[in-house]
Amino acid sequence: MHSAILSTLGDVPGREVERVLGLVRGNAVRSLHIGRDLWAFVRKVTGGELEDYTKLLAEVREQALDRMVAEAQARGADAIIGVRFQTCEISSGVAELLAYGTAVRLKPPAEA
């Protein structure tokens, strides 16, 4: 679970940015076990969801987010805006997932 506010927008609705702390990122590189990779190949040929890949990408996405949040918190941020994901294949069956955004410190919420 992430303790920073994450937003794909350029802001956090209802909050004002006090200070921009800069670009933060987190990445993770993963591959499937050869047995699972072979099963995924069979599944690809016969059709259907590649559940092992779905699970792998969900895990690697969370790891990349956790690393990005840790970098932001180390800089004193309480939010990350403009969050984006990028992925690339490094080699057959090996992929990197990168999460990145802008670390910011928010002004305290206005009291109603």
PDB file of N, CA and C in Angstrom:
ATOM      1  N   MET A   1       0.848  -1.187   0.000  1.00  0.00           N
ATOM      2  CA  MET A   1       0.000   0.000   0.000  1.00  0.00           C
ATOM      3  C   MET A   1       0.886   1.240   0.000  1.00  0.00           C
ATOM      4  N   HIS A   2       0.530   2.181  -0.821  1.00  0.00           N
ATOM      5  CA  HIS A   2       1.321   3.406  -0.969  1.00  0.00           C
ATOM      6  C   HIS A   2       0.793   4.477  -0.013  1.00  0.00           C
ATOM      7  N   SER A   3       1.700   5.146   0.694  1.00  0.00           N
ATOM      8  CA  SER A   3       1.252   6.168   1.636  1.00  0.00           C
ATOM      9  C   SER A   3       1.280   7.568   1.037  1.00  0.00           C
ATOM     10  N   ALA A   4       1.812   7.724  -0.151  1.00  0.00           N
ATOM     11  CA  ALA A   4       1.780   9.019  -0.822  1.00  0.00           C
ATOM     12  C   ALA A   4       0.538   9.076  -1.715  1.00  0.00           C
ATOM     13  N   ILE A   5       0.072  10.287  -1.983  1.00  0.00           N
ATOM     14  CA  ILE A   5      -1.030  10.468  -2.929  1.00  0.00           C
ATOM     15  C   ILE A   5      -0.449  10.338  -4.325  1.00  0.00           C
ATOM     16  N   LEU A   6      -1.057   9.493  -5.148  1.00  0.00           N
ATOM     17  CA  LEU A   6      -0.620   9.300  -6.527  1.00  0.00           C
ATOM     18  C   LEU A   6      -1.702   9.815  -7.462  1.00  0.00           C
ATOM     19  N   SER A   7      -1.311  10.614  -8.444  1.00  0.00           N
ATOM     20  CA  SER A   7      -2.273  11.174  -9.387  1.00  0.00           C
ATOM     21  C   SER A   7      -1.707  11.111 -10.796  1.00  0.00           C
ATOM     22  N   THR A   8      -2.530  10.655 -11.723  1.00  0.00           N
ATOM     23  CA  THR A   8      -2.114  10.675 -13.128  1.00  0.00           C
ATOM     24  C   THR A   8      -2.340  12.061 -13.734  1.00  0.00           C
ATOM     25  N   LEU A   9      -3.045  12.906 -13.017  1.00  0.00           N
ATOM     26  CA  LEU A   9      -3.284  14.286 -13.449  1.00  0.00           C
ATOM     27  C   LEU A   9      -2.050  15.133 -13.140  1.00  0.00           C
ATOM     28  N   GLY A  10      -2.058  16.360 -13.600  1.00  0.00           N
ATOM     29  CA  GLY A  10      -0.969  17.281 -13.316  1.00  0.00           C
ATOM     30  C   GLY A  10      -1.135  17.984 -11.987  1.00  0.00           C
ATOM     31  N   ASP A  11      -2.135  17.562 -11.216  1.00  0.00           N
ATOM     32  CA  ASP A  11      -2.373  18.135  -9.899  1.00  0.00           C
ATOM     33  C   ASP A  11      -3.122  17.110  -9.053  1.00  0.00           C
ATOM     34  N   VAL A  12      -3.431  17.497  -7.829  1.00  0.00           N
ATOM     35  CA  VAL A  12      -4.285  16.693  -6.956  1.00  0.00           C
ATOM     36  C   VAL A  12      -5.550  17.523  -6.763  1.00  0.00           C
ATOM     37  N   PRO A  13      -6.661  17.079  -7.303  1.00  0.00           N
ATOM     38  CA  PRO A  13      -7.893  17.874  -7.201  1.00  0.00           C
ATOM     39  C   PRO A  13      -8.190  18.275  -5.753  1.00  0.00           C
ATOM     40  N   GLY A  14      -8.478  19.570  -5.584  1.00  0.00           N
ATOM     41  CA  GLY A  14      -8.811  20.083  -4.262  1.00  0.00           C
ATOM     42  C   GLY A  14      -7.611  20.442  -3.411  1.00  0.00           C
ATOM     43  N   ARG A  15      -6.417  20.229  -3.917  1.00  0.00           N
ATOM     44  CA  ARG A  15      -5.195  20.544  -3.155  1.00  0.00           C
ATOM     45  C   ARG A  15      -4.289  21.414  -4.017  1.00  0.00           C
ATOM     46  N   GLU A  16      -3.487  22.207  -3.359  1.00  0.00           N
ATOM     47  CA  GLU A  16      -2.554  23.094  -4.053  1.00  0.00           C
ATOM     48  C   GLU A  16      -1.120  22.638  -3.802  1.00  0.00           C
ATOM     49  N   VAL A  17      -0.311  22.665  -4.851  1.00  0.00           N
ATOM     50  CA  VAL A  17       1.093  22.271  -4.728  1.00  0.00           C
ATOM     51  C   VAL A  17       1.862  23.392  -4.036  1.00  0.00           C
ATOM     52  N   GLU A  18       2.571  23.036  -2.980  1.00  0.00           N
ATOM     53  CA  GLU A  18       3.400  23.985  -2.243  1.00  0.00           C
ATOM     54  C   GLU A  18       4.802  24.060  -2.847  1.00  0.00           C
ATOM     55  N   ARG A  19       5.319  22.884  -3.233  1.00  0.00           N
ATOM     56  CA  ARG A  19       6.686  22.829  -3.756  1.00  0.00           C
ATOM     57  C   ARG A  19       6.848  21.626  -4.679  1.00  0.00           C
ATOM     58  N   VAL A  20       7.482  21.855  -5.820  1.00  0.00           N
ATOM     59  CA  VAL A  20       7.813  20.773  -6.753  1.00  0.00           C
ATOM     60  C   VAL A  20       9.204  20.273  -6.400  1.00  0.00           C
ATOM     61  N   LEU A  21       9.325  18.952  -6.182  1.00  0.00           N
ATOM     62  CA  LEU A  21      10.596  18.365  -5.748  1.00  0.00           C
ATOM     63  C   LEU A  21      11.332  17.639  -6.862  1.00  0.00           C
ATOM     64  N   GLY A  22      10.689  17.470  -8.009  1.00  0.00           N
ATOM     65  CA  GLY A  22      11.378  16.910  -9.164  1.00  0.00           C
ATOM     66  C   GLY A  22      10.915  15.519  -9.566  1.00  0.00           C
ATOM     67  N   LEU A  23      11.524  15.040 -10.613  1.00  0.00           N
ATOM     68  CA  LEU A  23      11.206  13.737 -11.185  1.00  0.00           C
ATOM     69  C   LEU A  23      11.602  12.611 -10.239  1.00  0.00           C
ATOM     70  N   VAL A  24      10.701  11.658 -10.076  1.00  0.00           N
ATOM     71  CA  VAL A  24      10.998  10.441  -9.319  1.00  0.00           C
ATOM     72  C   VAL A  24      10.608   9.248 -10.183  1.00  0.00           C
ATOM     73  N   ARG A  25      11.298   8.147  -9.948  1.00  0.00           N
ATOM     74  CA  ARG A  25      11.009   6.958 -10.750  1.00  0.00           C
ATOM     75  C   ARG A  25      11.321   5.706  -9.945  1.00  0.00           C
ATOM     76  N   GLY A  26      10.715   4.643 -10.390  1.00  0.00           N
ATOM     77  CA  GLY A  26      10.981   3.335  -9.819  1.00  0.00           C
ATOM     78  C   GLY A  26      10.846   2.322 -10.929  1.00  0.00           C
ATOM     79  N   ASN A  27      11.730   1.349 -10.953  1.00  0.00           N
ATOM     80  CA  ASN A  27      11.628   0.346 -12.009  1.00  0.00           C
ATOM     81  C   ASN A  27      11.855  -1.038 -11.430  1.00  0.00           C
ATOM     82  N   ALA A  28      11.442  -2.019 -12.196  1.00  0.00           N
ATOM     83  CA  ALA A  28      11.656  -3.417 -11.833  1.00  0.00           C
ATOM     84  C   ALA A  28      11.770  -4.210 -13.124  1.00  0.00           C
ATOM     85  N   VAL A  29      12.613  -5.207 -13.100  1.00  0.00           N
ATOM     86  CA  VAL A  29      12.819  -6.085 -14.255  1.00  0.00           C
ATOM     87  C   VAL A  29      12.490  -7.499 -13.813  1.00  0.00           C
ATOM     88  N   ARG A  30      11.682  -8.167 -14.575  1.00  0.00           N
ATOM     89  CA  ARG A  30      11.263  -9.523 -14.220  1.00  0.00           C
ATOM     90  C   ARG A  30      11.227 -10.412 -15.445  1.00  0.00           C
ATOM     91  N   SER A  31      11.273 -11.708 -15.164  1.00  0.00           N
ATOM     92  CA  SER A  31      11.069 -12.718 -16.199  1.00  0.00           C
ATOM     93  C   SER A  31      10.271 -13.860 -15.594  1.00  0.00           C
ATOM     94  N   LEU A  32       9.662 -14.645 -16.437  1.00  0.00           N
ATOM     95  CA  LEU A  32       8.935 -15.825 -15.983  1.00  0.00           C
ATOM     96  C   LEU A  32       9.886 -17.007 -15.875  1.00  0.00           C
ATOM     97  N   HIS A  33       9.533 -17.940 -15.036  1.00  0.00           N
ATOM     98  CA  HIS A  33      10.234 -19.215 -14.945  1.00  0.00           C
ATOM     99  C   HIS A  33      10.058 -19.946 -16.280  1.00  0.00           C
ATOM    100  N   ILE A  34      11.058 -20.672 -16.731  1.00  0.00           N
ATOM    101  CA  ILE A  34      11.013 -21.313 -18.045  1.00  0.00           C
ATOM    102  C   ILE A  34       9.794 -22.222 -18.206  1.00  0.00           C
ATOM    103  N   GLY A  35       9.408 -22.935 -17.167  1.00  0.00           N
ATOM    104  CA  GLY A  35       8.224 -23.801 -17.253  1.00  0.00           C
ATOM    105  C   GLY A  35       6.956 -22.997 -17.477  1.00  0.00           C
ATOM    106  N   ARG A  36       6.826 -21.906 -16.765  1.00  0.00           N
ATOM    107  CA  ARG A  36       5.655 -21.040 -16.935  1.00  0.00           C
ATOM    108  C   ARG A  36       5.691 -20.347 -18.280  1.00  0.00           C
ATOM    109  N   ASP A  37       6.887 -19.989 -18.741  1.00  0.00           N
ATOM    110  CA  ASP A  37       7.014 -19.337 -20.042  1.00  0.00           C
ATOM    111  C   ASP A  37       6.571 -20.286 -21.152  1.00  0.00           C
ATOM    112  N   LEU A  38       6.927 -21.568 -21.039  1.00  0.00           N
ATOM    113  CA  LEU A  38       6.484 -22.550 -22.033  1.00  0.00           C
ATOM    114  C   LEU A  38       4.971 -22.701 -22.004  1.00  0.00           C
ATOM    115  N   TRP A  39       4.384 -22.744 -20.802  1.00  0.00           N
ATOM    116  CA  TRP A  39       2.927 -22.840 -20.679  1.00  0.00           C
ATOM    117  C   TRP A  39       2.270 -21.593 -21.293  1.00  0.00           C
ATOM    118  N   ALA A  40       2.859 -20.429 -21.085  1.00  0.00           N
ATOM    119  CA  ALA A  40       2.315 -19.201 -21.663  1.00  0.00           C
ATOM    120  C   ALA A  40       2.362 -19.270 -23.185  1.00  0.00           C
ATOM    121  N   PHE A  41       3.414 -19.843 -23.734  1.00  0.00           N
ATOM    122  CA  PHE A  41       3.511 -19.984 -25.192  1.00  0.00           C
ATOM    123  C   PHE A  41       2.372 -20.861 -25.705  1.00  0.00           C
ATOM    124  N   VAL A  42       2.127 -21.985 -25.025  1.00  0.00           N
ATOM    125  CA  VAL A  42       1.027 -22.875 -25.428  1.00  0.00           C
ATOM    126  C   VAL A  42      -0.295 -22.127 -25.344  1.00  0.00           C
ATOM    127  N   ARG A  43      -0.480 -21.390 -24.286  1.00  0.00           N
ATOM    128  CA  ARG A  43      -1.718 -20.627 -24.084  1.00  0.00           C
ATOM    129  C   ARG A  43      -1.879 -19.576 -25.174  1.00  0.00           C
ATOM    130  N   LYS A  44      -0.771 -18.961 -25.586  1.00  0.00           N
ATOM    131  CA  LYS A  44      -0.810 -17.941 -26.630  1.00  0.00           C
ATOM    132  C   LYS A  44      -1.300 -18.551 -27.941  1.00  0.00           C
ATOM    133  N   VAL A  45      -0.859 -19.758 -28.229  1.00  0.00           N
ATOM    134  CA  VAL A  45      -1.247 -20.439 -29.462  1.00  0.00           C
ATOM    135  C   VAL A  45      -2.718 -20.849 -29.425  1.00  0.00           C
ATOM    136  N   THR A  46      -3.180 -21.321 -28.264  1.00  0.00           N
ATOM    137  CA  THR A  46      -4.548 -21.824 -28.157  1.00  0.00           C
ATOM    138  C   THR A  46      -5.552 -20.731 -27.813  1.00  0.00           C
ATOM    139  N   GLY A  47      -5.096 -19.573 -27.378  1.00  0.00           N
ATOM    140  CA  GLY A  47      -5.981 -18.466 -27.039  1.00  0.00           C
ATOM    141  C   GLY A  47      -6.281 -18.412 -25.555  1.00  0.00           C
ATOM    142  N   GLY A  48      -6.745 -17.273 -25.103  1.00  0.00           N
ATOM    143  CA  GLY A  48      -7.096 -17.085 -23.703  1.00  0.00           C
ATOM    144  C   GLY A  48      -6.119 -16.173 -22.988  1.00  0.00           C
ATOM    145  N   GLU A  49      -6.500 -15.820 -21.774  1.00  0.00           N
ATOM    146  CA  GLU A  49      -5.665 -14.931 -20.970  1.00  0.00           C
ATOM    147  C   GLU A  49      -4.398 -15.641 -20.521  1.00  0.00           C
ATOM    148  N   LEU A  50      -3.299 -14.939 -20.569  1.00  0.00           N
ATOM    149  CA  LEU A  50      -2.019 -15.457 -20.078  1.00  0.00           C
ATOM    150  C   LEU A  50      -1.912 -15.055 -18.609  1.00  0.00           C
ATOM    151  N   GLU A  51      -2.531 -15.842 -17.744  1.00  0.00           N
ATOM    152  CA  GLU A  51      -2.672 -15.485 -16.335  1.00  0.00           C
ATOM    153  C   GLU A  51      -1.342 -15.291 -15.629  1.00  0.00           C
ATOM    154  N   ASP A  52      -0.335 -16.088 -15.968  1.00  0.00           N
ATOM    155  CA  ASP A  52       0.974 -15.910 -15.329  1.00  0.00           C
ATOM    156  C   ASP A  52       1.577 -14.560 -15.683  1.00  0.00           C
ATOM    157  N   TYR A  53       1.412 -14.137 -16.929  1.00  0.00           N
ATOM    158  CA  TYR A  53       1.910 -12.825 -17.324  1.00  0.00           C
ATOM    159  C   TYR A  53       1.113 -11.713 -16.652  1.00  0.00           C
ATOM    160  N   THR A  54      -0.196 -11.881 -16.548  1.00  0.00           N
ATOM    161  CA  THR A  54      -1.037 -10.889 -15.873  1.00  0.00           C
ATOM    162  C   THR A  54      -0.580 -10.715 -14.432  1.00  0.00           C
ATOM    163  N   LYS A  55      -0.360 -11.829 -13.743  1.00  0.00           N
ATOM    164  CA  LYS A  55       0.088 -11.785 -12.346  1.00  0.00           C
ATOM    165  C   LYS A  55       1.480 -11.158 -12.251  1.00  0.00           C
ATOM    166  N   LEU A  56       2.372 -11.554 -13.142  1.00  0.00           N
ATOM    167  CA  LEU A  56       3.733 -11.022 -13.147  1.00  0.00           C
ATOM    168  C   LEU A  56       3.724  -9.508 -13.324  1.00  0.00           C
ATOM    169  N   LEU A  57       2.948  -9.009 -14.281  1.00  0.00           N
ATOM    170  CA  LEU A  57       2.913  -7.568 -14.530  1.00  0.00           C
ATOM    171  C   LEU A  57       2.292  -6.813 -13.361  1.00  0.00           C
ATOM    172  N   ALA A  58       1.289  -7.384 -12.714  1.00  0.00           N
ATOM    173  CA  ALA A  58       0.697  -6.737 -11.541  1.00  0.00           C
ATOM    174  C   ALA A  58       1.732  -6.622 -10.420  1.00  0.00           C
ATOM    175  N   GLU A  59       2.501  -7.690 -10.198  1.00  0.00           N
ATOM    176  CA  GLU A  59       3.527  -7.663  -9.153  1.00  0.00           C
ATOM    177  C   GLU A  59       4.628  -6.661  -9.471  1.00  0.00           C
ATOM    178  N   VAL A  60       5.083  -6.653 -10.711  1.00  0.00           N
ATOM    179  CA  VAL A  60       6.181  -5.757 -11.077  1.00  0.00           C
ATOM    180  C   VAL A  60       5.717  -4.303 -11.070  1.00  0.00           C
ATOM    181  N   ARG A  61       4.461  -4.064 -11.418  1.00  0.00           N
ATOM    182  CA  ARG A  61       3.904  -2.706 -11.369  1.00  0.00           C
ATOM    183  C   ARG A  61       3.904  -2.195  -9.926  1.00  0.00           C
ATOM    184  N   GLU A  62       3.479  -3.029  -8.975  1.00  0.00           N
ATOM    185  CA  GLU A  62       3.466  -2.623  -7.569  1.00  0.00           C
ATOM    186  C   GLU A  62       4.881  -2.376  -7.049  1.00  0.00           C
ATOM    187  N   GLN A  63       5.820  -3.206  -7.462  1.00  0.00           N
ATOM    188  CA  GLN A  63       7.209  -3.019  -7.034  1.00  0.00           C
ATOM    189  C   GLN A  63       7.768  -1.704  -7.566  1.00  0.00           C
ATOM    190  N   ALA A  64       7.491  -1.404  -8.834  1.00  0.00           N
ATOM    191  CA  ALA A  64       7.965  -0.145  -9.419  1.00  0.00           C
ATOM    192  C   ALA A  64       7.321   1.050  -8.718  1.00  0.00           C
ATOM    193  N   LEU A  65       6.015   0.967  -8.433  1.00  0.00           N
ATOM    194  CA  LEU A  65       5.336   2.045  -7.708  1.00  0.00           C
ATOM    195  C   LEU A  65       5.934   2.237  -6.318  1.00  0.00           C
ATOM    196  N   ASP A  66       6.167   1.139  -5.612  1.00  0.00           N
ATOM    197  CA  ASP A  66       6.751   1.224  -4.271  1.00  0.00           C
ATOM    198  C   ASP A  66       8.110   1.914  -4.307  1.00  0.00           C
ATOM    199  N   ARG A  67       8.910   1.589  -5.287  1.00  0.00           N
ATOM    200  CA  ARG A  67      10.239   2.204  -5.405  1.00  0.00           C
ATOM    201  C   ARG A  67      10.132   3.688  -5.734  1.00  0.00           C
ATOM    202  N   MET A  68       9.182   4.053  -6.602  1.00  0.00           N
ATOM    203  CA  MET A  68       8.978   5.460  -6.946  1.00  0.00           C
ATOM    204  C   MET A  68       8.521   6.239  -5.713  1.00  0.00           C
ATOM    205  N   VAL A  69       7.572   5.682  -4.971  1.00  0.00           N
ATOM    206  CA  VAL A  69       7.068   6.337  -3.759  1.00  0.00           C
ATOM    207  C   VAL A  69       8.182   6.484  -2.732  1.00  0.00           C
ATOM    208  N   ALA A  70       9.011   5.469  -2.560  1.00  0.00           N
ATOM    209  CA  ALA A  70      10.120   5.546  -1.607  1.00  0.00           C
ATOM    210  C   ALA A  70      11.075   6.681  -1.972  1.00  0.00           C
ATOM    211  N   GLU A  71      11.364   6.850  -3.255  1.00  0.00           N
ATOM    212  CA  GLU A  71      12.244   7.938  -3.691  1.00  0.00           C
ATOM    213  C   GLU A  71      11.592   9.290  -3.407  1.00  0.00           C
ATOM    214  N   ALA A  72      10.288   9.390  -3.675  1.00  0.00           N
ATOM    215  CA  ALA A  72       9.576  10.650  -3.430  1.00  0.00           C
ATOM    216  C   ALA A  72       9.558  10.981  -1.943  1.00  0.00           C
ATOM    217  N   GLN A  73       9.268   9.997  -1.103  1.00  0.00           N
ATOM    218  CA  GLN A  73       9.220  10.234   0.337  1.00  0.00           C
ATOM    219  C   GLN A  73      10.595  10.595   0.890  1.00  0.00           C
ATOM    220  N   ALA A  74      11.652  10.022   0.323  1.00  0.00           N
ATOM    221  CA  ALA A  74      13.008  10.367   0.749  1.00  0.00           C
ATOM    222  C   ALA A  74      13.321  11.839   0.456  1.00  0.00           C
ATOM    223  N   ARG A  75      12.634  12.413  -0.518  1.00  0.00           N
ATOM    224  CA  ARG A  75      12.803  13.831  -0.846  1.00  0.00           C
ATOM    225  C   ARG A  75      11.837  14.723  -0.068  1.00  0.00           C
ATOM    226  N   GLY A  76      10.974  14.126   0.737  1.00  0.00           N
ATOM    227  CA  GLY A  76      10.028  14.904   1.526  1.00  0.00           C
ATOM    228  C   GLY A  76       8.687  15.127   0.849  1.00  0.00           C
ATOM    229  N   ALA A  77       8.391  14.388  -0.203  1.00  0.00           N
ATOM    230  CA  ALA A  77       7.124  14.547  -0.924  1.00  0.00           C
ATOM    231  C   ALA A  77       5.990  13.832  -0.197  1.00  0.00           C
ATOM    232  N   ASP A  78       4.796  14.364  -0.372  1.00  0.00           N
ATOM    233  CA  ASP A  78       3.610  13.661   0.114  1.00  0.00           C
ATOM    234  C   ASP A  78       2.674  13.286  -1.023  1.00  0.00           C
ATOM    235  N   ALA A  79       3.079  13.626  -2.263  1.00  0.00           N
ATOM    236  CA  ALA A  79       2.273  13.263  -3.430  1.00  0.00           C
ATOM    237  C   ALA A  79       3.175  13.172  -4.655  1.00  0.00           C
ATOM    238  N   ILE A  80       2.686  12.436  -5.644  1.00  0.00           N
ATOM    239  CA  ILE A  80       3.355  12.354  -6.940  1.00  0.00           C
ATOM    240  C   ILE A  80       2.281  12.612  -7.988  1.00  0.00           C
ATOM    241  N   ILE A  81       2.535  13.606  -8.831  1.00  0.00           N
ATOM    242  CA  ILE A  81       1.583  13.953  -9.881  1.00  0.00           C
ATOM    243  C   ILE A  81       2.138  13.545 -11.239  1.00  0.00           C
ATOM    244  N   GLY A  82       1.236  13.421 -12.212  1.00  0.00           N
ATOM    245  CA  GLY A  82       1.648  13.048 -13.564  1.00  0.00           C
ATOM    246  C   GLY A  82       2.221  11.642 -13.627  1.00  0.00           C
ATOM    247  N   VAL A  83       1.702  10.736 -12.806  1.00  0.00           N
ATOM    248  CA  VAL A  83       2.235   9.366 -12.755  1.00  0.00           C
ATOM    249  C   VAL A  83       2.000   8.665 -14.094  1.00  0.00           C
ATOM    250  N   ARG A  84       3.040   8.040 -14.587  1.00  0.00           N
ATOM    251  CA  ARG A  84       2.988   7.307 -15.853  1.00  0.00           C
ATOM    252  C   ARG A  84       3.733   5.985 -15.693  1.00  0.00           C
ATOM    253  N   PHE A  85       3.404   5.056 -16.590  1.00  0.00           N
ATOM    254  CA  PHE A  85       4.087   3.765 -16.661  1.00  0.00           C
ATOM    255  C   PHE A  85       4.652   3.593 -18.055  1.00  0.00           C
ATOM    256  N   GLN A  86       5.778   2.921 -18.119  1.00  0.00           N
ATOM    257  CA  GLN A  86       6.373   2.565 -19.405  1.00  0.00           C
ATOM    258  C   GLN A  86       6.960   1.177 -19.254  1.00  0.00           C
ATOM    259  N   THR A  87       6.853   0.399 -20.291  1.00  0.00           N
ATOM    260  CA  THR A  87       7.427  -0.937 -20.243  1.00  0.00           C
ATOM    261  C   THR A  87       8.207  -1.197 -21.524  1.00  0.00           C
ATOM    262  N   CYS A  88       9.208  -2.040 -21.400  1.00  0.00           N
ATOM    263  CA  CYS A  88       9.966  -2.438 -22.576  1.00  0.00           C
ATOM    264  C   CYS A  88      10.468  -3.860 -22.382  1.00  0.00           C
ATOM    265  N   GLU A  89      10.629  -4.541 -23.495  1.00  0.00           N
ATOM    266  CA  GLU A  89      11.180  -5.889 -23.455  1.00  0.00           C
ATOM    267  C   GLU A  89      12.693  -5.776 -23.570  1.00  0.00           C
ATOM    268  N   ILE A  90      13.386  -6.324 -22.603  1.00  0.00           N
ATOM    269  CA  ILE A  90      14.849  -6.267 -22.600  1.00  0.00           C
ATOM    270  C   ILE A  90      15.405  -7.403 -23.446  1.00  0.00           C
ATOM    271  N   SER A  91      14.846  -8.580 -23.263  1.00  0.00           N
ATOM    272  CA  SER A  91      15.165  -9.731 -24.101  1.00  0.00           C
ATOM    273  C   SER A  91      13.950 -10.643 -24.060  1.00  0.00           C
ATOM    274  N   SER A  92      13.985 -11.725 -24.761  1.00  0.00           N
ATOM    275  CA  SER A  92      12.834 -12.616 -24.825  1.00  0.00           C
ATOM    276  C   SER A  92      12.432 -13.074 -23.421  1.00  0.00           C
ATOM    277  N   GLY A  93      11.208 -12.730 -23.028  1.00  0.00           N
ATOM    278  CA  GLY A  93      10.699 -13.145 -21.729  1.00  0.00           C
ATOM    279  C   GLY A  93      11.161 -12.305 -20.558  1.00  0.00           C
ATOM    280  N   VAL A  94      11.904 -11.225 -20.817  1.00  0.00           N
ATOM    281  CA  VAL A  94      12.385 -10.342 -19.756  1.00  0.00           C
ATOM    282  C   VAL A  94      11.896  -8.931 -20.052  1.00  0.00           C
ATOM    283  N   ALA A  95      11.167  -8.352 -19.086  1.00  0.00           N
ATOM    284  CA  ALA A  95      10.604  -7.027 -19.304  1.00  0.00           C
ATOM    285  C   ALA A  95      10.908  -6.109 -18.134  1.00  0.00           C
ATOM    286  N   GLU A  96      11.029  -4.824 -18.455  1.00  0.00           N
ATOM    287  CA  GLU A  96      11.189  -3.796 -17.435  1.00  0.00           C
ATOM    288  C   GLU A  96       9.906  -2.984 -17.390  1.00  0.00           C
ATOM    289  N   LEU A  97       9.486  -2.635 -16.198  1.00  0.00           N
ATOM    290  CA  LEU A  97       8.380  -1.712 -16.030  1.00  0.00           C
ATOM    291  C   LEU A  97       8.905  -0.518 -15.246  1.00  0.00           C
ATOM    292  N   LEU A  98       8.667   0.662 -15.772  1.00  0.00           N
ATOM    293  CA  LEU A  98       9.127   1.906 -15.159  1.00  0.00           C
ATOM    294  C   LEU A  98       7.907   2.726 -14.761  1.00  0.00           C
ATOM    295  N   ALA A  99       7.877   3.192 -13.535  1.00  0.00           N
ATOM    296  CA  ALA A  99       6.864   4.128 -13.058  1.00  0.00           C
ATOM    297  C   ALA A  99       7.585   5.456 -12.808  1.00  0.00           C
ATOM    298  N   TYR A 100       6.985   6.567 -13.247  1.00  0.00           N
ATOM    299  CA  TYR A 100       7.627   7.859 -13.029  1.00  0.00           C
ATOM    300  C   TYR A 100       6.587   8.953 -12.878  1.00  0.00           C
ATOM    301  N   GLY A 101       6.988  10.029 -12.259  1.00  0.00           N
ATOM    302  CA  GLY A 101       6.108  11.169 -12.050  1.00  0.00           C
ATOM    303  C   GLY A 101       6.876  12.305 -11.398  1.00  0.00           C
ATOM    304  N   THR A 102       6.141  13.330 -10.997  1.00  0.00           N
ATOM    305  CA  THR A 102       6.740  14.500 -10.367  1.00  0.00           C
ATOM    306  C   THR A 102       6.393  14.507  -8.884  1.00  0.00           C
ATOM    307  N   ALA A 103       7.416  14.470  -8.053  1.00  0.00           N
ATOM    308  CA  ALA A 103       7.225  14.508  -6.592  1.00  0.00           C
ATOM    309  C   ALA A 103       6.917  15.941  -6.181  1.00  0.00           C
ATOM    310  N   VAL A 104       5.892  16.076  -5.329  1.00  0.00           N
ATOM    311  CA  VAL A 104       5.503  17.397  -4.851  1.00  0.00           C
ATOM    312  C   VAL A 104       5.175  17.344  -3.363  1.00  0.00           C
ATOM    313  N   ARG A 105       5.242  18.507  -2.746  1.00  0.00           N
ATOM    314  CA  ARG A 105       4.739  18.673  -1.389  1.00  0.00           C
ATOM    315  C   ARG A 105       3.482  19.535  -1.516  1.00  0.00           C
ATOM    316  N   LEU A 106       2.397  19.054  -0.917  1.00  0.00           N
ATOM    317  CA  LEU A 106       1.118  19.755  -1.002  1.00  0.00           C
ATOM    318  C   LEU A 106       0.926  20.694   0.175  1.00  0.00           C
ATOM    319  N   LYS A 107       0.199  21.794  -0.077  1.00  0.00           N
ATOM    320  CA  LYS A 107      -0.217  22.661   1.023  1.00  0.00           C
ATOM    321  C   LYS A 107      -1.258  21.901   1.837  1.00  0.00           C
ATOM    322  N   PRO A 108      -1.330  22.158   3.129  1.00  0.00           N
ATOM    323  CA  PRO A 108      -2.368  21.505   3.930  1.00  0.00           C
ATOM    324  C   PRO A 108      -3.751  21.834   3.365  1.00  0.00           C
ATOM    325  N   PRO A 109      -4.693  20.897   3.484  1.00  0.00           N
ATOM    326  CA  PRO A 109      -6.033  21.177   2.963  1.00  0.00           C
ATOM    327  C   PRO A 109      -6.678  22.343   3.707  1.00  0.00           C
ATOM    328  N   ALA A 110      -7.433  23.144   2.955  1.00  0.00           N
ATOM    329  CA  ALA A 110      -8.135  24.269   3.557  1.00  0.00           C
ATOM    330  C   ALA A 110      -9.247  23.758   4.447  1.00  0.00           C
ATOM    331  N   GLU A 111      -9.394  24.363   5.616  1.00  0.00           N
ATOM    332  CA  GLU A 111     -10.463  23.947   6.519  1.00  0.00           C
ATOM    333  C   GLU A 111     -11.779  24.542   6.073  1.00  0.00           C
ATOM    334  N   ALA A 112     -12.820  23.746   6.156  1.00  0.00           N
ATOM    335  CA  ALA A 112     -14.144  24.219   5.722  1.00  0.00           C
ATOM    336  C   ALA A 112     -14.852  24.976   6.798  1.00  0.00           C
TER     337      ALA A 112
END
